Protein backbone atom coordinates (compact mmCIF):
# COMPACT_ATOMS: atom_id res chain seq x y z
CA UNK A 1 0.85 -26.94 -12.25
CA UNK A 2 -2.28 -25.69 -10.30
CA UNK A 3 -2.08 -21.81 -9.41
CA UNK A 4 -3.73 -20.16 -6.38
CA UNK A 5 -4.72 -16.70 -5.62
CA UNK A 6 -5.33 -15.29 -2.19
CA UNK A 7 -6.39 -12.14 -0.52
CA UNK A 8 -4.64 -11.15 2.65
CA UNK A 9 -4.72 -8.36 5.17
CA UNK A 10 -1.98 -7.18 7.64
CA UNK A 11 -1.00 -4.40 10.20
CA UNK A 12 2.30 -3.28 9.03
CA UNK A 13 3.44 -1.78 12.18
CA UNK A 14 5.87 -4.48 12.94
CA UNK A 15 6.80 -5.42 9.58
CA UNK A 16 9.89 -4.16 7.48
CA UNK A 17 7.64 -3.93 4.46
CA UNK A 18 6.01 -6.60 2.33
CA UNK A 19 8.71 -8.27 0.33
CA UNK A 20 11.12 -10.70 1.68
CA UNK A 21 14.66 -9.40 2.42
CA UNK A 22 18.09 -10.92 2.35
CA UNK A 23 18.89 -9.59 5.79
CA UNK A 24 16.30 -11.60 7.27
CA UNK A 25 14.05 -8.93 8.69
CA UNK A 26 10.49 -9.61 9.43
CA UNK A 27 8.34 -9.05 6.26
CA UNK A 28 4.84 -10.03 5.17
CA UNK A 29 6.06 -12.34 2.36
CA UNK A 30 8.45 -14.08 4.63
CA UNK A 31 5.66 -14.79 7.29
CA UNK A 32 3.22 -15.97 4.71
CA UNK A 33 5.62 -18.40 3.09
CA UNK A 34 6.66 -19.68 6.48
CA UNK A 35 2.96 -20.45 7.38
CA UNK A 36 2.05 -21.98 3.95
CA UNK A 37 5.26 -24.19 4.16
CA UNK A 38 4.24 -25.45 7.56
CA UNK A 39 0.58 -26.01 6.64
CA UNK A 40 1.11 -27.47 3.14
CA UNK A 41 4.27 -29.33 4.12
CA UNK A 42 5.99 -28.22 0.87
CA UNK A 43 8.24 -25.18 0.00
CA UNK A 44 5.86 -22.27 -1.40
CA UNK A 45 7.15 -19.10 -3.12
CA UNK A 46 4.73 -16.28 -2.64
CA UNK A 47 4.25 -13.33 -5.21
CA UNK A 48 2.62 -10.35 -3.90
CA UNK A 49 0.73 -7.90 -6.10
CA UNK A 50 2.28 -4.71 -4.66
CA UNK A 51 5.45 -3.71 -2.65
CA UNK A 52 4.64 -1.62 0.54
CA UNK A 53 7.13 0.03 2.78
CA UNK A 54 7.93 -0.68 6.42
CA UNK A 55 4.98 0.34 8.55
CA UNK A 56 2.42 0.47 5.79
CA UNK A 57 -0.65 -1.55 6.21
CA UNK A 58 -2.90 -3.49 3.68
CA UNK A 59 -6.59 -4.09 3.86
CA UNK A 60 -6.59 -6.19 0.61
CA UNK A 61 -3.23 -7.36 -0.57
CA UNK A 62 -3.36 -9.98 -3.34
CA UNK A 63 -0.84 -12.75 -3.84
CA UNK A 64 -0.49 -15.97 -5.96
CA UNK A 65 1.57 -19.38 -5.53
CA UNK A 66 1.86 -22.62 -7.36
CA UNK A 67 1.44 -26.08 -6.27
CA UNK A 68 2.34 -29.40 -7.85
CA UNK A 69 -0.07 -31.21 -5.47
CA UNK A 70 -0.54 -31.61 -1.75
CA UNK A 71 -3.31 -28.82 -1.64
CA UNK A 72 -5.75 -29.93 1.25
CA UNK A 73 -9.10 -31.10 0.41
CA UNK A 74 -10.61 -28.41 2.35
CA UNK A 75 -13.25 -25.46 1.69
CA UNK A 76 -12.01 -21.87 1.54
CA UNK A 77 -13.22 -20.99 5.15
CA UNK A 78 -11.70 -24.16 6.65
CA UNK A 79 -8.22 -23.76 4.66
CA UNK A 80 -7.94 -19.86 5.85
CA UNK A 81 -9.00 -20.75 9.44
CA UNK A 82 -6.23 -23.43 9.58
CA UNK A 83 -3.67 -21.30 7.99
CA UNK A 84 -4.50 -18.37 10.03
CA UNK A 85 -3.94 -20.42 13.20
CA UNK A 86 -0.25 -20.81 12.06
CA UNK A 87 0.12 -17.05 10.98
CA UNK A 88 0.97 -14.37 13.50
CA UNK A 89 -1.88 -12.21 14.68
CA UNK A 90 -0.91 -9.18 12.62
CA UNK A 91 -1.50 -10.83 9.18
CA UNK A 92 -4.17 -13.13 7.98
CA UNK A 93 -5.41 -14.67 4.68
CA UNK A 94 -9.03 -13.99 4.13
CA UNK A 95 -9.93 -15.65 0.78
CA UNK A 96 -8.14 -18.20 -1.61
CA UNK A 97 -9.11 -19.77 -4.94
CA UNK A 98 -7.63 -21.65 -7.79
CA UNK A 99 -6.97 -19.50 -10.69
CA UNK A 100 -5.85 -19.71 -14.25
CA UNK A 101 -2.09 -20.54 -14.80
CA UNK A 102 -1.61 -17.41 -16.58
CA UNK A 103 -2.77 -15.26 -13.82
CA UNK A 104 -0.05 -13.09 -12.00
CA UNK A 105 -0.86 -10.98 -8.99
CA UNK A 106 1.68 -8.18 -9.82
CA UNK A 107 1.82 -8.01 -13.68
CA UNK A 108 -1.97 -8.37 -14.23
CA UNK A 109 -3.05 -5.73 -11.79
CA UNK A 110 -4.40 -2.65 -13.46
CA UNK A 111 -5.05 -0.42 -10.42
CA UNK A 112 -3.91 0.05 -6.96
CA UNK A 113 -5.92 2.18 -4.31
CA UNK A 114 -4.46 3.68 -1.15
CA UNK A 115 -5.70 5.65 1.65
CA UNK A 116 -4.05 7.89 4.04
CA UNK A 117 -5.64 8.88 7.42
CA UNK A 118 -4.33 11.75 9.51
CA UNK A 119 -5.90 13.76 12.41
CA UNK A 120 -4.93 17.44 12.15
CA UNK A 121 -4.62 20.10 14.70
CA UNK A 122 -6.32 17.90 17.35
CA UNK A 123 -5.46 16.42 20.69
CA UNK A 124 -4.08 12.93 20.63
CA UNK A 125 -6.70 10.15 20.74
CA UNK A 126 -5.48 6.90 22.01
CA UNK A 127 -8.23 4.89 20.17
CA UNK A 128 -6.69 6.10 16.81
CA UNK A 129 -4.31 3.16 17.17
CA UNK A 130 -1.30 2.35 14.92
CA UNK A 131 -3.22 3.15 11.49
CA UNK A 132 -3.35 6.87 11.68
CA UNK A 133 -0.72 9.76 11.40
CA UNK A 134 -1.07 13.17 13.20
CA UNK A 135 0.00 16.72 12.75
CA UNK A 136 -0.18 19.58 14.74
CA UNK A 137 -0.93 21.99 11.88
CA UNK A 138 -4.41 22.75 10.45
CA UNK A 139 -5.43 21.43 7.03
CA UNK A 140 -7.63 22.83 4.41
CA UNK A 141 -9.48 20.17 2.37
CA UNK A 142 -10.26 22.51 -0.48
CA UNK A 143 -6.82 23.74 -0.87
CA UNK A 144 -5.46 20.09 -0.58
CA UNK A 145 -7.89 19.01 -3.33
CA UNK A 146 -6.74 21.91 -5.53
CA UNK A 147 -3.12 20.70 -5.19
CA UNK A 148 -4.21 17.11 -5.77
CA UNK A 149 -5.58 17.85 -9.29
CA UNK A 150 -2.21 18.22 -10.87
CA UNK A 151 -1.42 14.59 -10.18
CA UNK A 152 -4.12 13.23 -12.31
CA UNK A 153 -3.21 11.48 -15.63
CA UNK A 154 -0.12 9.87 -16.78
CA UNK A 155 3.18 11.61 -15.80
CA UNK A 156 6.83 10.94 -14.54
CA UNK A 157 6.73 10.99 -10.90
CA UNK A 158 10.50 11.03 -10.33
CA UNK A 159 10.36 14.38 -8.35
CA UNK A 160 7.78 13.00 -5.92
CA UNK A 161 9.41 9.84 -4.86
CA UNK A 162 12.62 8.44 -3.78
CA UNK A 163 15.25 6.55 -5.95
CA UNK A 164 14.74 2.84 -5.76
CA UNK A 165 16.11 0.06 -8.04
CA UNK A 166 12.52 -1.20 -8.36
CA UNK A 167 11.47 2.21 -9.94
CA UNK A 168 12.12 0.98 -13.49
CA UNK A 169 9.14 2.93 -14.83
CA UNK A 170 8.86 6.42 -13.47
CA UNK A 171 5.49 6.96 -15.52
CA UNK A 172 2.54 6.42 -13.33
CA UNK A 173 -0.98 6.97 -14.31
CA UNK A 174 -3.07 8.35 -11.43
CA UNK A 175 -6.82 7.96 -11.89
CA UNK A 176 -7.99 9.66 -8.79
CA UNK A 177 -6.45 11.82 -5.86
CA UNK A 178 -8.63 13.68 -3.36
CA UNK A 179 -9.12 14.47 0.13
CA UNK A 180 -12.06 14.15 2.49
CA UNK A 181 -12.69 15.91 5.87
CA UNK A 182 -14.57 13.93 8.49
CA UNK A 183 -15.43 14.97 12.12
CA UNK A 184 -12.87 15.72 14.76
CA UNK A 185 -10.29 17.01 12.31
CA UNK A 186 -9.85 13.64 10.61
CA UNK A 187 -8.63 13.91 7.03
CA UNK A 188 -8.30 11.13 4.61
CA UNK A 189 -6.56 11.20 1.36
CA UNK A 190 -7.35 8.63 -1.45
CA UNK A 191 -5.36 7.87 -4.34
CA UNK A 192 -5.37 5.14 -7.24
CA UNK A 193 -2.87 4.49 -9.90
CA UNK A 194 -1.79 1.81 -12.09
CA UNK A 195 1.35 1.60 -10.15
CA UNK A 196 3.32 3.68 -7.42
CA UNK A 197 7.09 4.57 -7.00
CA UNK A 198 8.95 4.22 -3.89
CA UNK A 199 7.53 6.46 -1.07
CA UNK A 200 5.43 8.33 -3.76
CA UNK A 201 2.31 8.57 -1.85
CA UNK A 202 4.00 9.60 1.24
CA UNK A 203 6.12 12.40 -0.25
CA UNK A 204 2.91 13.76 -2.08
CA UNK A 205 1.16 13.83 1.34
CA UNK A 206 4.15 15.34 3.28
CA UNK A 207 4.71 18.02 0.36
CA UNK A 208 0.87 18.97 0.79
CA UNK A 209 1.13 19.34 4.39
CA UNK A 210 4.37 21.27 4.17
CA UNK A 211 2.56 23.78 1.82
CA UNK A 212 -0.32 23.87 4.26
CA UNK A 213 2.29 24.73 7.18
CA UNK A 214 3.88 27.44 5.00
CA UNK A 215 7.03 25.54 4.98
CA UNK A 216 6.99 25.30 1.25
CA UNK A 217 5.53 27.73 -1.46
CA UNK A 218 2.21 27.04 -2.89
CA UNK A 219 3.42 26.08 -6.04
CA UNK A 220 6.16 23.78 -4.59
CA UNK A 221 4.23 20.58 -5.27
CA UNK A 222 3.59 21.53 -8.91
CA UNK A 223 7.30 22.52 -9.39
CA UNK A 224 8.70 19.44 -7.94
CA UNK A 225 6.21 17.23 -10.13
CA UNK A 226 6.82 19.12 -13.46
CA UNK A 227 10.54 19.68 -13.01
CA UNK A 228 11.15 16.15 -11.50
CA UNK A 229 13.21 17.73 -8.77
CA UNK A 230 13.18 15.98 -5.52
CA UNK A 231 14.83 18.80 -3.57
CA UNK A 232 11.71 20.86 -4.22
CA UNK A 233 9.49 18.32 -2.54
CA UNK A 234 8.49 18.25 1.25
CA UNK A 235 8.91 15.58 3.96
CA UNK A 236 8.05 11.89 3.76
CA UNK A 237 4.67 11.49 5.72
CA UNK A 238 4.75 8.76 8.32
CA UNK A 239 3.99 5.28 7.18
CA UNK A 240 1.56 4.44 9.79
CA UNK A 241 -1.13 6.46 8.11
CA UNK A 242 -1.07 4.53 4.81
CA UNK A 243 -2.83 1.54 3.75
CA UNK A 244 -3.10 -0.22 0.65
CA UNK A 245 -7.08 -0.58 0.37
CA UNK A 246 -7.78 -2.56 -2.95
CA UNK A 247 -6.10 -3.91 -6.02
CA UNK A 248 -7.97 -4.16 -9.28
CA UNK A 249 -7.66 -6.66 -12.29
CA UNK A 250 -9.40 -6.69 -15.51
CA UNK A 251 -11.83 -8.88 -14.10
CA UNK A 252 -13.39 -9.68 -10.66
CA UNK A 253 -10.97 -11.77 -8.81
CA UNK A 254 -12.65 -12.10 -5.40
């Protein structure tokens, strides 16, 4: 049975997350499956590489599906153009290809990379749109990077996440975690790991901001992290600033 991998992008503002839900809420997976079913005239089950929360965006989500036959005899560009004509405007499939039958979008992924954009201590800017968070407090890039260094390596991140039935393995290996400051008080947090727990990135960011705002002690992030105590962590940063940027595999997929 042929297996196909695809790369898609979506604005998460009006989605209740990526994974299909029993309650029928609007999700990325549900919209993709509906469009594929209409286009291919056969029921398709989509597997996505990563689960994202409601309101979180993705620049490069990977997924896969199987087909017995009925795959249109179209090149990649034409296939995507026809499919995107069915999909709603806030999600699109950018690339698609046939892959080995052993490929699995989620299980074979070795690294997931996110960025978080937040404008600090600045006037609201309408052109920031729906993909940037805002805070009224000042941020210090050097201090934030010092806090981020304790996250590197393989650790139990229970104290910096929320409970979820999907958190079957609390051990995550963080490969990089750092902040960059750009013009007009724009701060960008970049983090890559083998996988992430529920709300993990947003709680890390919220805890760092609470420390900067003197709502938490300077060592609160380290204590919540090392003691695995959620009560020591800060708030959960807004979803709108978070975007899944890239998913890596042992080989080049797209």
